[in-house]
Amino acid sequence: MKPEFDNFADEYNAINDRAAIRATGYPLEYFTNYKVDDICREININRLRPDTFLDFGCGIGNTLKSLSSRALGLKLFGAEVSAASVGIAKGLNLPADIALIDSALPFEERHFGFTFASCVFHHIPESEQQKWADELFLVTDSGGTVMIYEHNPLNPVTRHVFANSPFEANAKNAHPCPLESAVATGWVSRP
């Protein structure tokens, strides 16, 4: 994975905020909180008791910031390929350990009770998606949860935003079938 987000890290929120408001009328924070609400709902409805949480592709820390404001008692971790984004996230002084990703996730096997990836896989070449899905399952506890959010490639609003975002210039919308296959294979082949 290339750290192309280094080019946009300083302006990530401003660019995404303008695009989100223009396309939907809602700011970026609305969508971040929506996903965090889903995480909390998943934990509560299924009576999960994770003690550790990984945000794979944490960017500048938006999800970790929102999640840290909830009283869930989770030890938070983030992992990101963009050194500039990691620097910004660490500068927020969040109660989270944030690591730079190189060729593999820098965590022990089965370390996390809940692993989350939001709009990351479409930035990963399809030929590498299986490897990174396997990495997520490798670091997630056998009784843990992996939650992956991706853009809906069939939604016209999503397609418009995707086509006009500087972040998506080298990305390819992740269609459900290959991504589902990568996740299913990671789940099935897991030791």
N, C-alpha and C. Protein backbone atom coordinates (compact mmCIF):
# COMPACT_ATOMS: atom_id res chain seq x y z
N MET A 1 0.85 -1.18 0.00
CA MET A 1 0.00 0.00 0.00
C MET A 1 0.89 1.24 0.00
N LYS A 2 0.48 2.21 -0.79
CA LYS A 2 1.25 3.44 -0.85
C LYS A 2 0.65 4.49 0.08
N PRO A 3 1.50 5.21 0.78
CA PRO A 3 0.99 6.23 1.70
C PRO A 3 0.62 7.53 0.99
N GLU A 4 -0.26 7.44 -0.03
CA GLU A 4 -0.64 8.64 -0.78
C GLU A 4 -1.40 9.65 0.08
N PHE A 5 -1.91 9.21 1.21
CA PHE A 5 -2.62 10.13 2.10
C PHE A 5 -1.67 11.12 2.76
N ASP A 6 -0.35 10.86 2.68
CA ASP A 6 0.61 11.84 3.18
C ASP A 6 0.39 13.19 2.50
N ASN A 7 -0.04 13.16 1.24
CA ASN A 7 -0.26 14.39 0.47
C ASN A 7 -1.48 15.18 0.94
N PHE A 8 -2.39 14.53 1.66
CA PHE A 8 -3.65 15.17 2.03
C PHE A 8 -3.90 15.21 3.54
N ALA A 9 -3.01 14.68 4.33
CA ALA A 9 -3.27 14.51 5.76
C ALA A 9 -3.67 15.82 6.44
N ASP A 10 -2.95 16.90 6.14
CA ASP A 10 -3.24 18.18 6.79
C ASP A 10 -4.62 18.72 6.45
N GLU A 11 -5.12 18.40 5.28
CA GLU A 11 -6.40 18.95 4.84
C GLU A 11 -7.50 17.90 4.72
N TYR A 12 -7.24 16.70 5.26
CA TYR A 12 -8.17 15.59 5.12
C TYR A 12 -9.59 15.96 5.58
N ASN A 13 -9.72 16.47 6.79
CA ASN A 13 -11.05 16.81 7.30
C ASN A 13 -11.72 17.91 6.49
N ALA A 14 -10.99 18.95 6.15
CA ALA A 14 -11.58 20.08 5.41
C ALA A 14 -12.07 19.65 4.04
N ILE A 15 -11.25 18.88 3.32
CA ILE A 15 -11.64 18.42 1.98
C ILE A 15 -12.85 17.50 2.07
N ASN A 16 -12.79 16.52 2.99
CA ASN A 16 -13.91 15.58 3.12
C ASN A 16 -15.17 16.26 3.63
N ASP A 17 -15.01 17.22 4.51
CA ASP A 17 -16.17 17.94 5.04
C ASP A 17 -16.90 18.68 3.92
N ARG A 18 -16.15 19.40 3.10
CA ARG A 18 -16.77 20.12 1.97
C ARG A 18 -17.47 19.15 1.03
N ALA A 19 -16.81 18.04 0.70
CA ALA A 19 -17.40 17.07 -0.22
C ALA A 19 -18.65 16.43 0.37
N ALA A 20 -18.61 16.10 1.65
CA ALA A 20 -19.77 15.46 2.30
C ALA A 20 -20.95 16.42 2.35
N ILE A 21 -20.70 17.67 2.72
CA ILE A 21 -21.79 18.65 2.80
C ILE A 21 -22.36 18.91 1.41
N ARG A 22 -21.49 19.05 0.42
CA ARG A 22 -21.95 19.31 -0.95
C ARG A 22 -22.82 18.16 -1.47
N ALA A 23 -22.43 16.93 -1.18
CA ALA A 23 -23.15 15.77 -1.72
C ALA A 23 -24.37 15.37 -0.90
N THR A 24 -24.32 15.58 0.43
CA THR A 24 -25.39 15.04 1.27
C THR A 24 -26.06 16.05 2.19
N GLY A 25 -25.38 17.18 2.42
CA GLY A 25 -25.88 18.15 3.38
C GLY A 25 -25.38 17.88 4.80
N TYR A 26 -24.65 16.81 4.98
CA TYR A 26 -24.13 16.45 6.30
C TYR A 26 -22.61 16.57 6.32
N PRO A 27 -22.04 17.01 7.45
CA PRO A 27 -20.58 17.12 7.55
C PRO A 27 -19.93 15.75 7.76
N LEU A 28 -18.64 15.69 7.58
CA LEU A 28 -17.87 14.46 7.77
C LEU A 28 -18.11 13.85 9.14
N GLU A 29 -18.17 14.68 10.16
CA GLU A 29 -18.35 14.19 11.53
C GLU A 29 -19.63 13.36 11.68
N TYR A 30 -20.68 13.72 10.93
CA TYR A 30 -21.92 12.95 10.96
C TYR A 30 -21.65 11.50 10.56
N PHE A 31 -20.89 11.31 9.48
CA PHE A 31 -20.62 9.97 8.98
C PHE A 31 -19.67 9.20 9.90
N THR A 32 -18.72 9.90 10.48
CA THR A 32 -17.83 9.27 11.46
C THR A 32 -18.64 8.77 12.65
N ASN A 33 -19.47 9.64 13.19
CA ASN A 33 -20.29 9.26 14.35
C ASN A 33 -21.29 8.16 14.01
N TYR A 34 -21.81 8.17 12.79
CA TYR A 34 -22.73 7.12 12.35
C TYR A 34 -22.05 5.75 12.44
N LYS A 35 -20.82 5.68 11.95
CA LYS A 35 -20.08 4.41 11.99
C LYS A 35 -19.77 4.01 13.44
N VAL A 36 -19.40 4.97 14.26
CA VAL A 36 -19.13 4.67 15.67
C VAL A 36 -20.41 4.23 16.38
N ASP A 37 -21.53 4.84 16.03
CA ASP A 37 -22.82 4.37 16.57
C ASP A 37 -23.06 2.91 16.19
N ASP A 38 -22.71 2.55 14.93
CA ASP A 38 -22.85 1.16 14.50
C ASP A 38 -21.95 0.22 15.31
N ILE A 39 -20.74 0.66 15.56
CA ILE A 39 -19.82 -0.15 16.37
C ILE A 39 -20.43 -0.38 17.76
N CYS A 40 -20.90 0.69 18.37
CA CYS A 40 -21.50 0.58 19.72
C CYS A 40 -22.74 -0.30 19.69
N ARG A 41 -23.55 -0.15 18.65
CA ARG A 41 -24.75 -0.98 18.52
C ARG A 41 -24.37 -2.46 18.40
N GLU A 42 -23.36 -2.75 17.59
CA GLU A 42 -22.89 -4.12 17.41
C GLU A 42 -22.41 -4.70 18.74
N ILE A 43 -21.68 -3.92 19.48
CA ILE A 43 -21.18 -4.37 20.79
C ILE A 43 -22.34 -4.63 21.75
N ASN A 44 -23.31 -3.70 21.80
CA ASN A 44 -24.42 -3.83 22.74
C ASN A 44 -25.42 -4.91 22.35
N ILE A 45 -25.84 -4.93 21.09
CA ILE A 45 -26.85 -5.90 20.66
C ILE A 45 -26.36 -7.33 20.81
N ASN A 46 -25.09 -7.55 20.46
CA ASN A 46 -24.54 -8.90 20.53
C ASN A 46 -23.86 -9.20 21.86
N ARG A 47 -24.00 -8.26 22.80
CA ARG A 47 -23.42 -8.43 24.14
C ARG A 47 -21.94 -8.81 24.07
N LEU A 48 -21.24 -8.13 23.18
CA LEU A 48 -19.81 -8.37 23.04
C LEU A 48 -19.09 -7.72 24.20
N ARG A 49 -17.96 -8.25 24.55
CA ARG A 49 -17.16 -7.69 25.63
C ARG A 49 -15.70 -7.52 25.20
N PRO A 50 -15.49 -6.81 24.09
CA PRO A 50 -14.09 -6.63 23.69
C PRO A 50 -13.38 -5.69 24.66
N ASP A 51 -12.12 -5.95 24.90
CA ASP A 51 -11.36 -5.02 25.73
C ASP A 51 -10.37 -4.21 24.90
N THR A 52 -10.13 -4.67 23.67
CA THR A 52 -9.22 -3.96 22.78
C THR A 52 -9.90 -3.72 21.43
N PHE A 53 -9.57 -2.59 20.81
CA PHE A 53 -10.18 -2.18 19.55
C PHE A 53 -9.09 -1.68 18.61
N LEU A 54 -9.08 -2.20 17.38
CA LEU A 54 -8.15 -1.75 16.35
C LEU A 54 -8.90 -1.05 15.23
N ASP A 55 -8.47 0.17 14.90
CA ASP A 55 -8.95 0.88 13.73
C ASP A 55 -7.88 0.75 12.65
N PHE A 56 -8.10 -0.17 11.72
CA PHE A 56 -7.16 -0.44 10.61
C PHE A 56 -7.37 0.63 9.55
N GLY A 57 -6.31 1.39 9.25
CA GLY A 57 -6.44 2.51 8.34
C GLY A 57 -7.05 3.70 9.05
N CYS A 58 -6.54 3.98 10.24
CA CYS A 58 -7.15 4.98 11.13
C CYS A 58 -7.01 6.41 10.63
N GLY A 59 -6.19 6.64 9.61
CA GLY A 59 -6.03 7.99 9.10
C GLY A 59 -5.57 8.95 10.19
N ILE A 60 -6.22 10.09 10.27
CA ILE A 60 -5.83 11.12 11.25
C ILE A 60 -6.55 10.95 12.58
N GLY A 61 -7.24 9.82 12.77
CA GLY A 61 -7.80 9.49 14.08
C GLY A 61 -9.25 9.86 14.31
N ASN A 62 -10.02 10.16 13.27
CA ASN A 62 -11.41 10.59 13.47
C ASN A 62 -12.26 9.55 14.20
N THR A 63 -12.18 8.30 13.78
CA THR A 63 -12.98 7.26 14.42
C THR A 63 -12.52 7.04 15.85
N LEU A 64 -11.22 7.01 16.07
CA LEU A 64 -10.70 6.82 17.43
C LEU A 64 -11.12 7.97 18.33
N LYS A 65 -11.13 9.18 17.81
CA LYS A 65 -11.55 10.35 18.59
C LYS A 65 -13.01 10.21 19.00
N SER A 66 -13.87 9.86 18.05
CA SER A 66 -15.29 9.69 18.35
C SER A 66 -15.52 8.55 19.33
N LEU A 67 -14.83 7.44 19.09
CA LEU A 67 -14.99 6.27 19.95
C LEU A 67 -14.47 6.52 21.36
N SER A 68 -13.42 7.32 21.49
CA SER A 68 -12.85 7.58 22.82
C SER A 68 -13.78 8.41 23.69
N SER A 69 -14.73 9.10 23.06
CA SER A 69 -15.67 9.90 23.84
C SER A 69 -16.82 9.07 24.40
N ARG A 70 -16.90 7.81 24.00
CA ARG A 70 -17.92 6.90 24.52
C ARG A 70 -17.33 6.14 25.70
N ALA A 71 -18.13 5.84 26.65
CA ALA A 71 -17.65 5.14 27.86
C ALA A 71 -17.73 3.64 27.65
N LEU A 72 -16.84 3.09 26.81
CA LEU A 72 -16.88 1.66 26.52
C LEU A 72 -15.78 0.89 27.23
N GLY A 73 -14.80 1.59 27.78
CA GLY A 73 -13.71 0.91 28.47
C GLY A 73 -12.78 0.14 27.55
N LEU A 74 -12.73 0.52 26.28
CA LEU A 74 -11.87 -0.16 25.33
C LEU A 74 -10.47 0.44 25.33
N LYS A 75 -9.45 -0.40 25.21
CA LYS A 75 -8.10 0.08 24.94
C LYS A 75 -8.03 0.24 23.42
N LEU A 76 -7.78 1.46 22.97
CA LEU A 76 -7.86 1.79 21.55
C LEU A 76 -6.49 1.73 20.88
N PHE A 77 -6.50 1.22 19.65
CA PHE A 77 -5.31 1.14 18.82
C PHE A 77 -5.69 1.60 17.41
N GLY A 78 -4.74 2.20 16.73
CA GLY A 78 -4.91 2.56 15.33
C GLY A 78 -3.70 2.08 14.56
N ALA A 79 -3.91 1.83 13.27
CA ALA A 79 -2.82 1.44 12.38
C ALA A 79 -3.05 2.13 11.04
N GLU A 80 -1.98 2.69 10.48
CA GLU A 80 -2.11 3.52 9.29
C GLU A 80 -0.81 3.47 8.48
N VAL A 81 -0.92 3.55 7.13
CA VAL A 81 0.26 3.55 6.26
C VAL A 81 0.84 4.94 6.06
N SER A 82 0.07 5.97 6.30
CA SER A 82 0.51 7.34 6.07
C SER A 82 1.19 7.90 7.32
N ALA A 83 2.49 8.15 7.22
CA ALA A 83 3.23 8.70 8.35
C ALA A 83 2.70 10.07 8.75
N ALA A 84 2.32 10.89 7.77
CA ALA A 84 1.78 12.22 8.08
C ALA A 84 0.48 12.09 8.86
N SER A 85 -0.37 11.15 8.46
CA SER A 85 -1.64 10.94 9.17
C SER A 85 -1.41 10.44 10.58
N VAL A 86 -0.45 9.53 10.75
CA VAL A 86 -0.12 9.03 12.08
C VAL A 86 0.35 10.18 12.96
N GLY A 87 1.17 11.07 12.41
CA GLY A 87 1.65 12.21 13.17
C GLY A 87 0.52 13.11 13.64
N ILE A 88 -0.46 13.36 12.77
CA ILE A 88 -1.61 14.19 13.14
C ILE A 88 -2.44 13.48 14.21
N ALA A 89 -2.70 12.18 14.01
CA ALA A 89 -3.49 11.42 14.98
C ALA A 89 -2.81 11.41 16.35
N LYS A 90 -1.51 11.21 16.38
CA LYS A 90 -0.79 11.21 17.66
C LYS A 90 -0.83 12.59 18.30
N GLY A 91 -0.84 13.63 17.48
CA GLY A 91 -0.90 15.00 17.99
C GLY A 91 -2.22 15.35 18.66
N LEU A 92 -3.26 14.53 18.43
CA LEU A 92 -4.55 14.77 19.07
C LEU A 92 -4.55 14.33 20.53
N ASN A 93 -3.48 13.64 20.93
CA ASN A 93 -3.37 13.12 22.30
C ASN A 93 -4.57 12.26 22.69
N LEU A 94 -4.98 11.42 21.76
CA LEU A 94 -6.08 10.49 22.03
C LEU A 94 -5.60 9.39 22.96
N PRO A 95 -6.52 8.78 23.70
CA PRO A 95 -6.13 7.64 24.53
C PRO A 95 -6.03 6.39 23.66
N ALA A 96 -5.08 6.42 22.71
CA ALA A 96 -4.93 5.33 21.75
C ALA A 96 -3.46 5.16 21.39
N ASP A 97 -3.07 3.92 21.15
CA ASP A 97 -1.74 3.62 20.62
C ASP A 97 -1.89 3.55 19.11
N ILE A 98 -1.13 4.36 18.39
CA ILE A 98 -1.25 4.44 16.94
C ILE A 98 0.07 4.04 16.31
N ALA A 99 0.01 3.08 15.40
CA ALA A 99 1.21 2.52 14.79
C ALA A 99 1.22 2.74 13.28
N LEU A 100 2.42 2.86 12.76
CA LEU A 100 2.61 2.97 11.32
C LEU A 100 2.68 1.55 10.74
N ILE A 101 1.95 1.32 9.66
CA ILE A 101 1.94 0.01 9.01
C ILE A 101 3.01 -0.01 7.93
N ASP A 102 3.76 -1.11 7.89
CA ASP A 102 4.71 -1.31 6.80
C ASP A 102 4.19 -2.46 5.94
N SER A 103 4.76 -3.63 6.08
CA SER A 103 4.35 -4.76 5.25
C SER A 103 3.39 -5.71 5.96
N ALA A 104 3.16 -5.47 7.24
CA ALA A 104 2.24 -6.30 8.03
C ALA A 104 1.78 -5.48 9.22
N LEU A 105 0.70 -5.92 9.85
CA LEU A 105 0.24 -5.22 11.05
C LEU A 105 1.21 -5.51 12.21
N PRO A 106 1.62 -4.46 12.92
CA PRO A 106 2.62 -4.63 13.98
C PRO A 106 2.04 -5.03 15.34
N PHE A 107 1.19 -6.05 15.32
CA PHE A 107 0.54 -6.49 16.55
C PHE A 107 0.63 -8.00 16.66
N GLU A 108 0.51 -8.49 17.88
CA GLU A 108 0.53 -9.92 18.11
C GLU A 108 -0.75 -10.57 17.58
N GLU A 109 -0.66 -11.85 17.30
CA GLU A 109 -1.84 -12.60 16.86
C GLU A 109 -2.90 -12.58 17.96
N ARG A 110 -4.14 -12.51 17.53
CA ARG A 110 -5.31 -12.56 18.42
C ARG A 110 -5.28 -11.51 19.53
N HIS A 111 -4.77 -10.34 19.20
CA HIS A 111 -4.63 -9.27 20.20
C HIS A 111 -5.92 -8.48 20.41
N PHE A 112 -6.78 -8.40 19.38
CA PHE A 112 -7.92 -7.49 19.45
C PHE A 112 -9.26 -8.20 19.57
N GLY A 113 -10.12 -7.64 20.40
CA GLY A 113 -11.48 -8.15 20.54
C GLY A 113 -12.40 -7.60 19.46
N PHE A 114 -12.04 -6.43 18.91
CA PHE A 114 -12.85 -5.81 17.86
C PHE A 114 -11.90 -5.12 16.89
N THR A 115 -12.01 -5.46 15.61
CA THR A 115 -11.18 -4.88 14.56
C THR A 115 -12.09 -4.21 13.55
N PHE A 116 -11.75 -2.99 13.16
CA PHE A 116 -12.60 -2.16 12.32
C PHE A 116 -11.79 -1.57 11.18
N ALA A 117 -12.37 -1.56 9.99
CA ALA A 117 -11.76 -0.91 8.83
C ALA A 117 -12.85 -0.13 8.11
N SER A 118 -12.64 1.16 7.96
CA SER A 118 -13.64 2.01 7.31
C SER A 118 -13.07 2.62 6.05
N CYS A 119 -13.62 2.21 4.92
CA CYS A 119 -13.26 2.76 3.61
C CYS A 119 -11.76 2.67 3.37
N VAL A 120 -11.21 1.51 3.68
CA VAL A 120 -9.78 1.26 3.51
C VAL A 120 -9.53 0.35 2.31
N PHE A 121 -10.34 -0.70 2.17
CA PHE A 121 -10.04 -1.73 1.18
C PHE A 121 -10.07 -1.24 -0.26
N HIS A 122 -10.82 -0.21 -0.56
CA HIS A 122 -10.80 0.28 -1.94
C HIS A 122 -9.50 0.99 -2.28
N HIS A 123 -8.68 1.28 -1.27
CA HIS A 123 -7.35 1.85 -1.51
C HIS A 123 -6.28 0.76 -1.64
N ILE A 124 -6.65 -0.47 -1.36
CA ILE A 124 -5.74 -1.60 -1.45
C ILE A 124 -5.97 -2.28 -2.79
N PRO A 125 -4.91 -2.49 -3.59
CA PRO A 125 -5.10 -3.21 -4.85
C PRO A 125 -5.80 -4.54 -4.60
N GLU A 126 -6.68 -4.90 -5.52
CA GLU A 126 -7.46 -6.14 -5.35
C GLU A 126 -6.54 -7.34 -5.11
N SER A 127 -5.37 -7.34 -5.75
CA SER A 127 -4.43 -8.45 -5.59
C SER A 127 -3.87 -8.55 -4.17
N GLU A 128 -3.98 -7.48 -3.38
CA GLU A 128 -3.46 -7.49 -2.01
C GLU A 128 -4.56 -7.53 -0.94
N GLN A 129 -5.81 -7.47 -1.35
CA GLN A 129 -6.90 -7.43 -0.37
C GLN A 129 -6.96 -8.69 0.48
N GLN A 130 -6.70 -9.84 -0.12
CA GLN A 130 -6.73 -11.09 0.65
C GLN A 130 -5.67 -11.06 1.74
N LYS A 131 -4.47 -10.59 1.41
CA LYS A 131 -3.39 -10.51 2.40
C LYS A 131 -3.81 -9.66 3.59
N TRP A 132 -4.43 -8.50 3.32
CA TRP A 132 -4.79 -7.60 4.42
C TRP A 132 -6.01 -8.08 5.18
N ALA A 133 -6.93 -8.76 4.50
CA ALA A 133 -8.05 -9.39 5.22
C ALA A 133 -7.50 -10.46 6.17
N ASP A 134 -6.54 -11.25 5.68
CA ASP A 134 -5.90 -12.26 6.52
C ASP A 134 -5.22 -11.62 7.73
N GLU A 135 -4.55 -10.48 7.51
CA GLU A 135 -3.89 -9.76 8.60
C GLU A 135 -4.91 -9.36 9.68
N LEU A 136 -6.07 -8.85 9.23
CA LEU A 136 -7.09 -8.43 10.20
C LEU A 136 -7.54 -9.61 11.05
N PHE A 137 -7.78 -10.74 10.40
CA PHE A 137 -8.24 -11.91 11.15
C PHE A 137 -7.13 -12.49 12.02
N LEU A 138 -5.89 -12.35 11.58
CA LEU A 138 -4.77 -12.86 12.37
C LEU A 138 -4.64 -12.12 13.70
N VAL A 139 -4.87 -10.80 13.69
CA VAL A 139 -4.70 -10.03 14.93
C VAL A 139 -5.97 -9.93 15.76
N THR A 140 -7.07 -10.50 15.25
CA THR A 140 -8.35 -10.47 15.97
C THR A 140 -8.52 -11.78 16.73
N ASP A 141 -8.92 -11.67 17.98
CA ASP A 141 -9.14 -12.83 18.84
C ASP A 141 -10.14 -13.79 18.20
N SER A 142 -10.02 -15.07 18.49
CA SER A 142 -10.90 -16.07 17.87
C SER A 142 -12.37 -15.83 18.19
N GLY A 143 -12.67 -15.17 19.29
CA GLY A 143 -14.05 -14.83 19.61
C GLY A 143 -14.37 -13.38 19.29
N GLY A 144 -13.47 -12.72 18.58
CA GLY A 144 -13.62 -11.30 18.31
C GLY A 144 -14.46 -10.99 17.08
N THR A 145 -14.58 -9.71 16.81
CA THR A 145 -15.40 -9.21 15.71
C THR A 145 -14.54 -8.41 14.74
N VAL A 146 -14.77 -8.63 13.45
CA VAL A 146 -14.16 -7.82 12.40
C VAL A 146 -15.31 -7.12 11.68
N MET A 147 -15.26 -5.78 11.64
CA MET A 147 -16.30 -4.99 10.97
C MET A 147 -15.63 -4.17 9.88
N ILE A 148 -16.11 -4.33 8.64
CA ILE A 148 -15.53 -3.61 7.51
C ILE A 148 -16.61 -2.77 6.86
N TYR A 149 -16.33 -1.48 6.75
CA TYR A 149 -17.19 -0.54 6.02
C TYR A 149 -16.53 -0.25 4.69
N GLU A 150 -17.30 -0.23 3.62
CA GLU A 150 -16.82 0.22 2.31
C GLU A 150 -17.91 1.01 1.63
N HIS A 151 -17.50 1.84 0.68
CA HIS A 151 -18.47 2.60 -0.11
C HIS A 151 -19.37 1.63 -0.86
N ASN A 152 -20.62 2.01 -1.07
CA ASN A 152 -21.52 1.23 -1.91
C ASN A 152 -21.26 1.65 -3.36
N PRO A 153 -20.62 0.79 -4.16
CA PRO A 153 -20.26 1.18 -5.52
C PRO A 153 -21.47 1.36 -6.44
N LEU A 154 -22.65 0.98 -6.01
CA LEU A 154 -23.85 1.12 -6.84
C LEU A 154 -24.64 2.39 -6.51
N ASN A 155 -24.32 3.05 -5.40
CA ASN A 155 -25.02 4.26 -4.99
C ASN A 155 -24.53 5.43 -5.83
N PRO A 156 -25.44 6.14 -6.53
CA PRO A 156 -25.00 7.25 -7.39
C PRO A 156 -24.32 8.39 -6.62
N VAL A 157 -24.77 8.67 -5.39
CA VAL A 157 -24.12 9.73 -4.61
C VAL A 157 -22.70 9.31 -4.26
N THR A 158 -22.54 8.06 -3.84
CA THR A 158 -21.21 7.54 -3.53
C THR A 158 -20.32 7.61 -4.76
N ARG A 159 -20.84 7.21 -5.90
CA ARG A 159 -20.05 7.23 -7.14
C ARG A 159 -19.64 8.66 -7.50
N HIS A 160 -20.53 9.62 -7.28
CA HIS A 160 -20.20 11.02 -7.56
C HIS A 160 -19.07 11.50 -6.64
N VAL A 161 -19.23 11.25 -5.35
CA VAL A 161 -18.20 11.67 -4.39
C VAL A 161 -16.88 10.98 -4.71
N PHE A 162 -16.94 9.70 -4.99
CA PHE A 162 -15.75 8.91 -5.30
C PHE A 162 -15.04 9.47 -6.53
N ALA A 163 -15.81 9.82 -7.56
CA ALA A 163 -15.22 10.34 -8.81
C ALA A 163 -14.61 11.72 -8.65
N ASN A 164 -15.03 12.46 -7.64
CA ASN A 164 -14.58 13.84 -7.49
C ASN A 164 -13.66 14.07 -6.29
N SER A 165 -13.24 13.03 -5.64
CA SER A 165 -12.40 13.17 -4.44
C SER A 165 -10.94 12.98 -4.80
N PRO A 166 -10.08 13.89 -4.35
CA PRO A 166 -8.64 13.71 -4.62
C PRO A 166 -8.07 12.47 -3.91
N PHE A 167 -8.74 12.01 -2.84
CA PHE A 167 -8.26 10.84 -2.12
C PHE A 167 -8.48 9.55 -2.91
N GLU A 168 -9.41 9.60 -3.83
CA GLU A 168 -9.80 8.38 -4.54
C GLU A 168 -9.14 8.26 -5.91
N ALA A 169 -8.23 9.17 -6.26
CA ALA A 169 -7.62 9.19 -7.59
C ALA A 169 -6.97 7.86 -7.95
N ASN A 170 -6.33 7.20 -7.01
CA ASN A 170 -5.67 5.93 -7.28
C ASN A 170 -6.42 4.74 -6.70
N ALA A 171 -7.63 4.98 -6.24
CA ALA A 171 -8.43 3.91 -5.63
C ALA A 171 -9.39 3.31 -6.64
N LYS A 172 -9.87 2.14 -6.32
CA LYS A 172 -10.87 1.47 -7.15
C LYS A 172 -11.97 1.00 -6.23
N ASN A 173 -13.21 1.43 -6.51
CA ASN A 173 -14.32 1.03 -5.65
C ASN A 173 -14.27 -0.47 -5.39
N ALA A 174 -14.34 -0.85 -4.15
CA ALA A 174 -14.29 -2.26 -3.77
C ALA A 174 -15.68 -2.85 -3.95
N HIS A 175 -15.82 -3.70 -4.95
CA HIS A 175 -17.10 -4.36 -5.16
C HIS A 175 -17.26 -5.47 -4.14
N PRO A 176 -18.48 -5.71 -3.72
CA PRO A 176 -18.71 -6.66 -2.63
C PRO A 176 -18.18 -8.07 -2.86
N CYS A 177 -18.30 -8.61 -4.07
CA CYS A 177 -17.94 -10.02 -4.26
C CYS A 177 -16.48 -10.32 -3.96
N PRO A 178 -15.51 -9.61 -4.55
CA PRO A 178 -14.11 -9.93 -4.21
C PRO A 178 -13.80 -9.66 -2.74
N LEU A 179 -14.34 -8.58 -2.19
CA LEU A 179 -14.08 -8.25 -0.79
C LEU A 179 -14.71 -9.30 0.13
N GLU A 180 -15.95 -9.69 -0.16
CA GLU A 180 -16.60 -10.74 0.63
C GLU A 180 -15.80 -12.03 0.56
N SER A 181 -15.28 -12.33 -0.61
CA SER A 181 -14.48 -13.55 -0.78
C SER A 181 -13.22 -13.47 0.06
N ALA A 182 -12.56 -12.31 0.05
CA ALA A 182 -11.33 -12.14 0.84
C ALA A 182 -11.63 -12.31 2.32
N VAL A 183 -12.72 -11.72 2.77
CA VAL A 183 -13.10 -11.80 4.18
C VAL A 183 -13.51 -13.23 4.53
N ALA A 184 -14.33 -13.83 3.68
CA ALA A 184 -14.78 -15.20 3.95
C ALA A 184 -13.60 -16.16 3.99
N THR A 185 -12.66 -15.99 3.07
CA THR A 185 -11.49 -16.86 3.06
C THR A 185 -10.66 -16.65 4.31
N GLY A 186 -10.50 -15.39 4.72
CA GLY A 186 -9.76 -15.10 5.95
C GLY A 186 -10.42 -15.72 7.15
N TRP A 187 -11.74 -15.68 7.18
CA TRP A 187 -12.47 -16.25 8.31
C TRP A 187 -12.38 -17.77 8.32
N VAL A 188 -12.56 -18.39 7.14
CA VAL A 188 -12.58 -19.83 7.05
C VAL A 188 -11.18 -20.41 7.28
N SER A 189 -10.14 -19.74 6.76
CA SER A 189 -8.80 -20.29 6.85
C SER A 189 -8.10 -19.98 8.16
N ARG A 190 -8.78 -19.25 9.00
CA ARG A 190 -8.19 -18.82 10.25
C ARG A 190 -7.88 -19.99 11.17
N PRO A 191 -6.68 -19.98 11.77
CA PRO A 191 -6.32 -21.10 12.66
C PRO A 191 -7.15 -21.14 13.92
